[in-house]
Amino acid sequence: MYKIGQQIKTQPINGIQVRKLLKDKDLQILSITLEKGAVLPEHSSPKEATLIVLEGALDFHIQGKTYFLEHLEDFSFPKELPHWVEARENSRFLIIR
C-alpha cells in the first residue's frame, strides 16, 4: 500500500516537538521542531546519526565546538557523544540513525 503523509509538514514549531516517523530494529527517523531560542538539552545518540536541516538554523554543540547549520545542510556525528542543539530561528530537522 502507498501512503502520502504530512507528519513533518503539520508538526508545529512550538517549544520542542519530537515525532518518531520510523522505528525498526535497524533504523530510526525522528522529526524535530524547535522554536527560535529553544534548546534540545544535552543527550547522546545510541547510534551514529545524521541531522538534516529542513527549515531554519541551528547551533549544534559537541565536544566543546559549535557547528552552525542552516537550511538543507546535513551534519553527521558519532554515537555516544554528549551534544545539545539550540535554534537560532524556528527550525525543522530530521535525525536519521
N, C-alpha and C. Protein backbone atom coordinates (compact mmCIF):
# COMPACT_ATOMS: atom_id res chain seq x y z
N MET A 1 0.84 -1.18 0.00
CA MET A 1 0.00 0.00 0.00
C MET A 1 0.89 1.25 0.00
N TYR A 2 0.45 2.28 -0.70
CA TYR A 2 1.16 3.55 -0.75
C TYR A 2 0.45 4.55 0.14
N LYS A 3 1.24 5.44 0.72
CA LYS A 3 0.64 6.41 1.62
C LYS A 3 1.41 7.72 1.54
N ILE A 4 0.72 8.81 1.35
CA ILE A 4 1.31 10.14 1.42
C ILE A 4 0.93 10.72 2.77
N GLY A 5 1.95 11.12 3.53
CA GLY A 5 1.69 11.67 4.85
C GLY A 5 2.11 13.13 4.94
N GLN A 6 1.67 13.76 6.00
CA GLN A 6 2.02 15.16 6.24
C GLN A 6 2.53 15.36 7.67
N GLN A 7 3.11 14.31 8.24
CA GLN A 7 3.57 14.40 9.63
C GLN A 7 4.61 15.49 9.83
N ILE A 8 5.55 15.63 8.89
CA ILE A 8 6.59 16.65 9.01
C ILE A 8 5.99 18.03 8.77
N LYS A 9 5.22 18.14 7.72
CA LYS A 9 4.64 19.43 7.32
C LYS A 9 3.72 20.00 8.39
N THR A 10 2.97 19.16 9.05
CA THR A 10 1.98 19.63 10.03
C THR A 10 2.51 19.70 11.47
N GLN A 11 3.73 19.26 11.69
CA GLN A 11 4.30 19.29 13.05
C GLN A 11 4.50 20.75 13.47
N PRO A 12 3.91 21.17 14.59
CA PRO A 12 4.03 22.57 15.00
C PRO A 12 5.44 22.94 15.44
N ILE A 13 5.79 24.20 15.21
CA ILE A 13 7.04 24.72 15.75
C ILE A 13 6.65 25.53 16.98
N ASN A 14 6.68 24.84 18.11
CA ASN A 14 6.22 25.40 19.37
C ASN A 14 7.04 24.76 20.48
N GLY A 15 8.03 25.48 21.01
CA GLY A 15 8.91 24.88 22.00
C GLY A 15 9.74 23.79 21.34
N ILE A 16 9.65 22.59 21.88
CA ILE A 16 10.35 21.42 21.33
C ILE A 16 9.31 20.35 21.03
N GLN A 17 9.28 19.89 19.80
CA GLN A 17 8.37 18.83 19.39
C GLN A 17 9.18 17.72 18.73
N VAL A 18 8.96 16.48 19.16
CA VAL A 18 9.67 15.32 18.59
C VAL A 18 8.64 14.28 18.17
N ARG A 19 8.76 13.83 16.92
CA ARG A 19 7.89 12.75 16.42
C ARG A 19 8.77 11.64 15.85
N LYS A 20 8.42 10.41 16.16
CA LYS A 20 9.08 9.26 15.54
C LYS A 20 8.35 8.95 14.24
N LEU A 21 9.05 9.14 13.13
CA LEU A 21 8.46 8.84 11.83
C LEU A 21 8.61 7.38 11.48
N LEU A 22 9.73 6.79 11.92
CA LEU A 22 10.01 5.39 11.62
C LEU A 22 10.90 4.82 12.71
N LYS A 23 10.59 3.62 13.13
CA LYS A 23 11.46 2.94 14.09
C LYS A 23 11.34 1.45 13.86
N ASP A 24 12.48 0.84 13.53
CA ASP A 24 12.55 -0.61 13.49
C ASP A 24 13.89 -1.01 14.09
N LYS A 25 14.27 -2.26 13.98
CA LYS A 25 15.49 -2.71 14.66
C LYS A 25 16.77 -2.10 14.08
N ASP A 26 16.72 -1.64 12.83
CA ASP A 26 17.92 -1.13 12.18
C ASP A 26 17.93 0.37 11.93
N LEU A 27 16.79 1.01 11.97
CA LEU A 27 16.71 2.41 11.55
C LEU A 27 15.67 3.17 12.36
N GLN A 28 16.01 4.41 12.68
CA GLN A 28 15.07 5.31 13.34
C GLN A 28 15.16 6.67 12.66
N ILE A 29 14.00 7.26 12.38
CA ILE A 29 13.94 8.61 11.82
C ILE A 29 13.06 9.44 12.73
N LEU A 30 13.62 10.55 13.22
CA LEU A 30 12.89 11.47 14.09
C LEU A 30 12.69 12.78 13.36
N SER A 31 11.52 13.36 13.50
CA SER A 31 11.24 14.70 13.03
C SER A 31 11.19 15.59 14.26
N ILE A 32 12.00 16.65 14.27
CA ILE A 32 12.09 17.52 15.44
C ILE A 32 11.88 18.96 15.01
N THR A 33 11.08 19.69 15.78
CA THR A 33 10.95 21.12 15.57
C THR A 33 11.38 21.84 16.85
N LEU A 34 12.06 22.95 16.65
CA LEU A 34 12.49 23.81 17.77
C LEU A 34 12.09 25.24 17.46
N GLU A 35 11.43 25.85 18.40
CA GLU A 35 11.10 27.27 18.28
C GLU A 35 12.37 28.09 18.49
N LYS A 36 12.47 29.25 17.85
CA LYS A 36 13.64 30.11 17.99
C LYS A 36 13.99 30.28 19.48
N GLY A 37 15.26 30.01 19.81
CA GLY A 37 15.73 30.12 21.19
C GLY A 37 15.56 28.86 22.02
N ALA A 38 14.80 27.89 21.53
CA ALA A 38 14.60 26.64 22.27
C ALA A 38 15.86 25.79 22.21
N VAL A 39 16.07 25.02 23.27
CA VAL A 39 17.26 24.16 23.38
C VAL A 39 16.82 22.72 23.57
N LEU A 40 17.36 21.84 22.73
CA LEU A 40 17.23 20.41 22.93
C LEU A 40 18.35 20.04 23.89
N PRO A 41 18.03 19.71 25.14
CA PRO A 41 19.06 19.53 26.17
C PRO A 41 20.09 18.47 25.81
N GLU A 42 21.20 18.52 26.53
CA GLU A 42 22.30 17.59 26.28
C GLU A 42 21.82 16.14 26.38
N HIS A 43 22.26 15.37 25.43
CA HIS A 43 21.93 13.94 25.34
C HIS A 43 22.97 13.29 24.43
N SER A 44 22.86 12.00 24.20
CA SER A 44 23.72 11.33 23.24
C SER A 44 22.88 10.38 22.40
N SER A 45 23.42 10.00 21.26
CA SER A 45 22.71 9.09 20.36
C SER A 45 23.25 7.67 20.56
N PRO A 46 22.36 6.67 20.58
CA PRO A 46 22.82 5.29 20.72
C PRO A 46 23.50 4.75 19.47
N LYS A 47 23.36 5.46 18.34
CA LYS A 47 23.95 5.05 17.06
C LYS A 47 24.55 6.28 16.38
N GLU A 48 25.45 6.04 15.42
CA GLU A 48 25.89 7.15 14.58
C GLU A 48 24.65 7.74 13.94
N ALA A 49 24.65 9.07 13.74
CA ALA A 49 23.44 9.73 13.26
C ALA A 49 23.77 10.83 12.27
N THR A 50 22.76 11.19 11.51
CA THR A 50 22.84 12.33 10.61
C THR A 50 21.65 13.24 10.89
N LEU A 51 21.94 14.54 11.01
CA LEU A 51 20.92 15.56 11.20
C LEU A 51 20.78 16.28 9.86
N ILE A 52 19.54 16.48 9.41
CA ILE A 52 19.28 17.20 8.16
C ILE A 52 18.35 18.37 8.49
N VAL A 53 18.81 19.58 8.22
CA VAL A 53 18.01 20.78 8.48
C VAL A 53 17.05 20.99 7.31
N LEU A 54 15.76 20.94 7.61
CA LEU A 54 14.75 21.16 6.58
C LEU A 54 14.33 22.63 6.50
N GLU A 55 14.42 23.30 7.64
CA GLU A 55 13.96 24.69 7.73
C GLU A 55 14.65 25.34 8.92
N GLY A 56 15.04 26.60 8.80
CA GLY A 56 15.59 27.34 9.92
C GLY A 56 17.10 27.26 10.02
N ALA A 57 17.60 27.48 11.24
CA ALA A 57 19.04 27.48 11.50
C ALA A 57 19.29 27.01 12.93
N LEU A 58 20.32 26.17 13.09
CA LEU A 58 20.62 25.54 14.38
C LEU A 58 22.08 25.72 14.76
N ASP A 59 22.34 25.73 16.05
CA ASP A 59 23.69 25.61 16.58
C ASP A 59 23.78 24.23 17.21
N PHE A 60 24.71 23.42 16.71
CA PHE A 60 24.91 22.05 17.21
C PHE A 60 26.19 22.06 18.03
N HIS A 61 26.10 21.73 19.31
CA HIS A 61 27.23 21.80 20.24
C HIS A 61 27.69 20.38 20.59
N ILE A 62 28.98 20.10 20.33
CA ILE A 62 29.53 18.78 20.61
C ILE A 62 31.03 18.91 20.86
N GLN A 63 31.52 18.28 21.89
CA GLN A 63 32.94 18.26 22.25
C GLN A 63 33.56 19.66 22.27
N GLY A 64 32.85 20.61 22.88
CA GLY A 64 33.38 21.96 23.03
C GLY A 64 33.37 22.80 21.77
N LYS A 65 32.79 22.30 20.69
CA LYS A 65 32.72 23.04 19.44
C LYS A 65 31.26 23.30 19.08
N THR A 66 31.05 24.37 18.33
CA THR A 66 29.71 24.69 17.84
C THR A 66 29.74 24.67 16.32
N TYR A 67 28.78 23.97 15.75
CA TYR A 67 28.63 23.89 14.30
C TYR A 67 27.34 24.63 13.94
N PHE A 68 27.44 25.58 13.02
CA PHE A 68 26.32 26.41 12.61
C PHE A 68 25.69 25.78 11.37
N LEU A 69 24.48 25.29 11.54
CA LEU A 69 23.79 24.56 10.48
C LEU A 69 22.61 25.37 9.96
N GLU A 70 22.41 25.33 8.64
CA GLU A 70 21.33 26.08 8.04
C GLU A 70 20.53 25.22 7.09
N HIS A 71 19.51 25.81 6.53
CA HIS A 71 18.55 25.19 5.63
C HIS A 71 19.23 24.25 4.62
N LEU A 72 18.79 23.00 4.60
CA LEU A 72 19.23 21.95 3.68
C LEU A 72 20.68 21.49 3.86
N GLU A 73 21.27 21.80 5.01
CA GLU A 73 22.59 21.24 5.32
C GLU A 73 22.40 19.99 6.16
N ASP A 74 23.39 19.09 6.07
CA ASP A 74 23.35 17.88 6.89
C ASP A 74 24.64 17.81 7.71
N PHE A 75 24.54 17.10 8.84
CA PHE A 75 25.66 17.01 9.77
C PHE A 75 25.65 15.60 10.37
N SER A 76 26.74 14.88 10.21
CA SER A 76 26.85 13.54 10.77
C SER A 76 27.70 13.59 12.03
N PHE A 77 27.31 12.77 13.02
CA PHE A 77 28.04 12.75 14.29
C PHE A 77 28.03 11.34 14.87
N PRO A 78 29.05 11.04 15.69
CA PRO A 78 29.21 9.68 16.22
C PRO A 78 28.26 9.38 17.37
N LYS A 79 28.12 8.12 17.63
CA LYS A 79 27.27 7.68 18.74
C LYS A 79 27.93 7.99 20.09
N GLU A 80 27.11 8.06 21.09
CA GLU A 80 27.50 8.12 22.50
C GLU A 80 28.33 9.34 22.89
N LEU A 81 28.33 10.41 22.08
CA LEU A 81 29.00 11.65 22.48
C LEU A 81 27.93 12.67 22.89
N PRO A 82 28.04 13.20 24.10
CA PRO A 82 27.06 14.19 24.54
C PRO A 82 27.04 15.41 23.61
N HIS A 83 25.85 15.89 23.31
CA HIS A 83 25.67 17.06 22.46
C HIS A 83 24.35 17.72 22.79
N TRP A 84 24.19 18.95 22.35
CA TRP A 84 22.92 19.66 22.50
C TRP A 84 22.73 20.59 21.33
N VAL A 85 21.47 21.01 21.12
CA VAL A 85 21.12 21.79 19.94
C VAL A 85 20.29 23.01 20.37
N GLU A 86 20.60 24.16 19.77
CA GLU A 86 19.83 25.38 20.01
C GLU A 86 19.37 25.95 18.68
N ALA A 87 18.13 26.44 18.65
CA ALA A 87 17.57 27.01 17.42
C ALA A 87 17.84 28.51 17.34
N ARG A 88 18.49 28.94 16.25
CA ARG A 88 18.69 30.38 16.00
C ARG A 88 17.45 30.97 15.34
N GLU A 89 16.67 30.12 14.70
CA GLU A 89 15.41 30.50 14.06
C GLU A 89 14.43 29.37 14.33
N ASN A 90 13.15 29.59 14.09
CA ASN A 90 12.22 28.47 14.11
C ASN A 90 12.75 27.43 13.15
N SER A 91 12.88 26.20 13.62
CA SER A 91 13.59 25.18 12.83
C SER A 91 12.86 23.85 12.81
N ARG A 92 13.08 23.14 11.71
CA ARG A 92 12.53 21.80 11.50
C ARG A 92 13.67 20.95 10.95
N PHE A 93 13.92 19.77 11.58
CA PHE A 93 15.01 18.93 11.10
C PHE A 93 14.71 17.46 11.35
N LEU A 94 15.46 16.62 10.65
CA LEU A 94 15.35 15.16 10.80
C LEU A 94 16.61 14.64 11.45
N ILE A 95 16.46 13.60 12.25
CA ILE A 95 17.57 12.81 12.76
C ILE A 95 17.39 11.41 12.19
N ILE A 96 18.41 10.94 11.50
CA ILE A 96 18.37 9.58 10.93
C ILE A 96 19.49 8.81 11.59
N ARG A 97 19.13 7.70 12.22
CA ARG A 97 20.13 6.89 12.91
C ARG A 97 19.75 5.42 12.87
